[in-house]
Amino acid sequence: MTDTPEAPAPAQPLFDRRMLEALVCPQSHATLRYDAAADELISDAAGLAFPIRNGIPVMLVDEARRLD
């Protein structure tokens, strides 16, 4: 057996921005905007930020962060 370096772990999938065309805020039913720096979908109408985990938006109000 030879010592070979392990292959790097695959990069986390990025959010597919085309999903924004189909997604709306579950509380206000308003359109969302993508915040790439925070990796969140923002509902300005509801004042909520929905997390994106492993490239998948978590569209649950209970999981959303309140915006100040």
N, C-alpha and C. Protein backbone atom coordinates (compact mmCIF):
# COMPACT_ATOMS: atom_id res chain seq x y z
N MET A 1 0.84 -1.18 0.00
CA MET A 1 0.00 0.00 0.00
C MET A 1 0.88 1.24 0.00
N THR A 2 0.55 2.17 -0.82
CA THR A 2 1.32 3.41 -0.88
C THR A 2 0.53 4.52 -0.22
N ASP A 3 1.27 5.47 0.28
CA ASP A 3 0.60 6.64 0.87
C ASP A 3 0.28 7.62 -0.23
N THR A 4 -1.00 7.77 -0.50
CA THR A 4 -1.43 8.75 -1.50
C THR A 4 -2.29 9.79 -0.81
N PRO A 5 -2.16 11.02 -1.24
CA PRO A 5 -2.98 12.05 -0.60
C PRO A 5 -4.46 11.82 -0.88
N GLU A 6 -5.25 12.14 0.11
CA GLU A 6 -6.70 11.99 -0.06
C GLU A 6 -7.21 13.05 -1.01
N ALA A 7 -8.22 12.68 -1.77
CA ALA A 7 -8.85 13.65 -2.67
C ALA A 7 -9.57 14.70 -1.83
N PRO A 8 -9.55 15.95 -2.27
CA PRO A 8 -10.26 16.98 -1.49
C PRO A 8 -11.75 16.70 -1.47
N ALA A 9 -12.37 17.08 -0.38
CA ALA A 9 -13.82 16.91 -0.26
C ALA A 9 -14.51 17.76 -1.31
N PRO A 10 -15.60 17.26 -1.89
CA PRO A 10 -16.31 18.07 -2.89
C PRO A 10 -16.81 19.36 -2.27
N ALA A 11 -16.77 20.41 -3.05
CA ALA A 11 -17.24 21.72 -2.58
C ALA A 11 -18.73 21.66 -2.31
N GLN A 12 -19.17 22.44 -1.36
CA GLN A 12 -20.59 22.53 -1.05
C GLN A 12 -21.32 23.11 -2.25
N PRO A 13 -22.45 22.51 -2.64
CA PRO A 13 -23.17 23.04 -3.80
C PRO A 13 -23.65 24.46 -3.54
N LEU A 14 -23.55 25.27 -4.57
CA LEU A 14 -24.02 26.65 -4.47
C LEU A 14 -25.51 26.70 -4.72
N PHE A 15 -26.14 27.71 -4.22
CA PHE A 15 -27.57 27.91 -4.43
C PHE A 15 -27.82 28.24 -5.90
N ASP A 16 -28.77 27.56 -6.49
CA ASP A 16 -29.14 27.81 -7.89
C ASP A 16 -30.10 29.00 -7.92
N ARG A 17 -29.61 30.11 -8.38
CA ARG A 17 -30.41 31.34 -8.36
C ARG A 17 -31.68 31.26 -9.20
N ARG A 18 -31.76 30.31 -10.09
CA ARG A 18 -32.99 30.14 -10.89
C ARG A 18 -34.16 29.74 -10.00
N MET A 19 -33.87 29.19 -8.79
CA MET A 19 -34.94 28.83 -7.86
C MET A 19 -35.71 30.05 -7.40
N LEU A 20 -35.07 31.23 -7.43
CA LEU A 20 -35.75 32.45 -6.99
C LEU A 20 -37.00 32.74 -7.80
N GLU A 21 -37.03 32.26 -9.03
CA GLU A 21 -38.20 32.48 -9.88
C GLU A 21 -39.42 31.72 -9.37
N ALA A 22 -39.19 30.61 -8.65
CA ALA A 22 -40.29 29.77 -8.20
C ALA A 22 -40.60 29.93 -6.72
N LEU A 23 -39.64 30.43 -5.94
CA LEU A 23 -39.83 30.51 -4.49
C LEU A 23 -40.42 31.85 -4.07
N VAL A 24 -41.27 31.81 -3.07
CA VAL A 24 -41.81 33.02 -2.45
C VAL A 24 -41.75 32.81 -0.94
N CYS A 25 -41.85 33.88 -0.22
CA CYS A 25 -41.85 33.82 1.23
C CYS A 25 -43.10 33.06 1.70
N PRO A 26 -42.94 32.08 2.58
CA PRO A 26 -44.11 31.33 3.05
C PRO A 26 -45.03 32.16 3.96
N GLN A 27 -44.54 33.25 4.50
CA GLN A 27 -45.37 34.08 5.38
C GLN A 27 -46.08 35.19 4.61
N SER A 28 -45.33 35.94 3.81
CA SER A 28 -45.92 37.10 3.12
C SER A 28 -46.29 36.81 1.67
N HIS A 29 -45.79 35.73 1.13
CA HIS A 29 -45.98 35.36 -0.28
C HIS A 29 -45.33 36.36 -1.24
N ALA A 30 -44.40 37.15 -0.72
CA ALA A 30 -43.67 38.12 -1.53
C ALA A 30 -42.43 37.45 -2.14
N THR A 31 -41.87 38.11 -3.14
CA THR A 31 -40.65 37.60 -3.76
C THR A 31 -39.48 37.70 -2.78
N LEU A 32 -38.46 36.94 -3.06
CA LEU A 32 -37.27 36.88 -2.22
C LEU A 32 -36.07 37.41 -2.97
N ARG A 33 -35.06 37.82 -2.22
CA ARG A 33 -33.79 38.20 -2.83
C ARG A 33 -32.70 37.35 -2.19
N TYR A 34 -31.66 37.08 -2.96
CA TYR A 34 -30.57 36.23 -2.50
C TYR A 34 -29.45 37.08 -1.94
N ASP A 35 -29.04 36.79 -0.72
CA ASP A 35 -27.89 37.43 -0.09
C ASP A 35 -26.75 36.42 -0.12
N ALA A 36 -25.86 36.57 -1.10
CA ALA A 36 -24.77 35.61 -1.30
C ALA A 36 -23.79 35.61 -0.14
N ALA A 37 -23.54 36.77 0.46
CA ALA A 37 -22.57 36.86 1.55
C ALA A 37 -23.03 36.05 2.76
N ALA A 38 -24.32 36.09 3.06
CA ALA A 38 -24.86 35.36 4.20
C ALA A 38 -25.42 34.00 3.81
N ASP A 39 -25.52 33.72 2.50
CA ASP A 39 -26.12 32.50 1.97
C ASP A 39 -27.52 32.32 2.54
N GLU A 40 -28.35 33.35 2.32
CA GLU A 40 -29.73 33.37 2.79
C GLU A 40 -30.64 33.93 1.72
N LEU A 41 -31.90 33.58 1.82
CA LEU A 41 -32.94 34.21 1.01
C LEU A 41 -33.67 35.18 1.91
N ILE A 42 -33.78 36.41 1.45
CA ILE A 42 -34.34 37.49 2.25
C ILE A 42 -35.75 37.84 1.79
N SER A 43 -36.66 37.90 2.75
CA SER A 43 -38.00 38.42 2.51
C SER A 43 -38.08 39.77 3.18
N ASP A 44 -37.95 40.83 2.40
CA ASP A 44 -38.05 42.17 2.96
C ASP A 44 -39.44 42.45 3.51
N ALA A 45 -40.46 41.90 2.85
CA ALA A 45 -41.85 42.13 3.26
C ALA A 45 -42.12 41.54 4.65
N ALA A 46 -41.55 40.38 4.94
CA ALA A 46 -41.80 39.73 6.23
C ALA A 46 -40.69 40.01 7.24
N GLY A 47 -39.58 40.57 6.77
CA GLY A 47 -38.46 40.82 7.67
C GLY A 47 -37.79 39.54 8.13
N LEU A 48 -37.69 38.57 7.22
CA LEU A 48 -37.10 37.27 7.55
C LEU A 48 -35.98 36.92 6.59
N ALA A 49 -35.02 36.15 7.11
CA ALA A 49 -33.92 35.63 6.29
C ALA A 49 -33.94 34.11 6.42
N PHE A 50 -34.14 33.43 5.31
CA PHE A 50 -34.23 31.97 5.29
C PHE A 50 -32.86 31.40 4.95
N PRO A 51 -32.36 30.44 5.77
CA PRO A 51 -31.04 29.89 5.52
C PRO A 51 -31.02 28.97 4.30
N ILE A 52 -29.85 28.83 3.73
CA ILE A 52 -29.63 27.87 2.66
C ILE A 52 -28.61 26.88 3.20
N ARG A 53 -28.99 25.62 3.25
CA ARG A 53 -28.12 24.58 3.79
C ARG A 53 -27.82 23.55 2.71
N ASN A 54 -26.54 23.37 2.44
CA ASN A 54 -26.10 22.43 1.41
C ASN A 54 -26.79 22.71 0.07
N GLY A 55 -26.97 24.00 -0.23
CA GLY A 55 -27.56 24.41 -1.50
C GLY A 55 -29.07 24.36 -1.54
N ILE A 56 -29.71 24.01 -0.42
CA ILE A 56 -31.16 23.87 -0.38
C ILE A 56 -31.76 24.93 0.55
N PRO A 57 -32.65 25.77 0.03
CA PRO A 57 -33.29 26.77 0.89
C PRO A 57 -34.22 26.10 1.91
N VAL A 58 -34.12 26.55 3.15
CA VAL A 58 -34.99 26.05 4.22
C VAL A 58 -36.09 27.09 4.39
N MET A 59 -37.24 26.80 3.80
CA MET A 59 -38.33 27.77 3.73
C MET A 59 -39.35 27.56 4.85
N LEU A 60 -38.85 27.46 6.07
CA LEU A 60 -39.69 27.31 7.24
C LEU A 60 -39.57 28.57 8.08
N VAL A 61 -40.70 29.16 8.43
CA VAL A 61 -40.69 30.40 9.21
C VAL A 61 -39.97 30.16 10.55
N ASP A 62 -40.14 28.99 11.14
CA ASP A 62 -39.49 28.70 12.42
C ASP A 62 -37.97 28.63 12.31
N GLU A 63 -37.45 28.39 11.12
CA GLU A 63 -36.00 28.30 10.90
C GLU A 63 -35.41 29.64 10.44
N ALA A 64 -36.26 30.59 10.12
CA ALA A 64 -35.81 31.87 9.58
C ALA A 64 -35.25 32.77 10.70
N ARG A 65 -34.35 33.63 10.28
CA ARG A 65 -33.77 34.62 11.18
C ARG A 65 -34.54 35.93 11.00
N ARG A 66 -34.90 36.56 12.10
CA ARG A 66 -35.60 37.86 12.03
C ARG A 66 -34.61 38.95 11.67
N LEU A 67 -35.00 39.81 10.76
CA LEU A 67 -34.15 40.96 10.38
C LEU A 67 -34.48 42.12 11.30
N ASP A 68 -33.47 42.86 11.68
CA ASP A 68 -33.68 44.03 12.56
C ASP A 68 -33.96 45.26 11.77
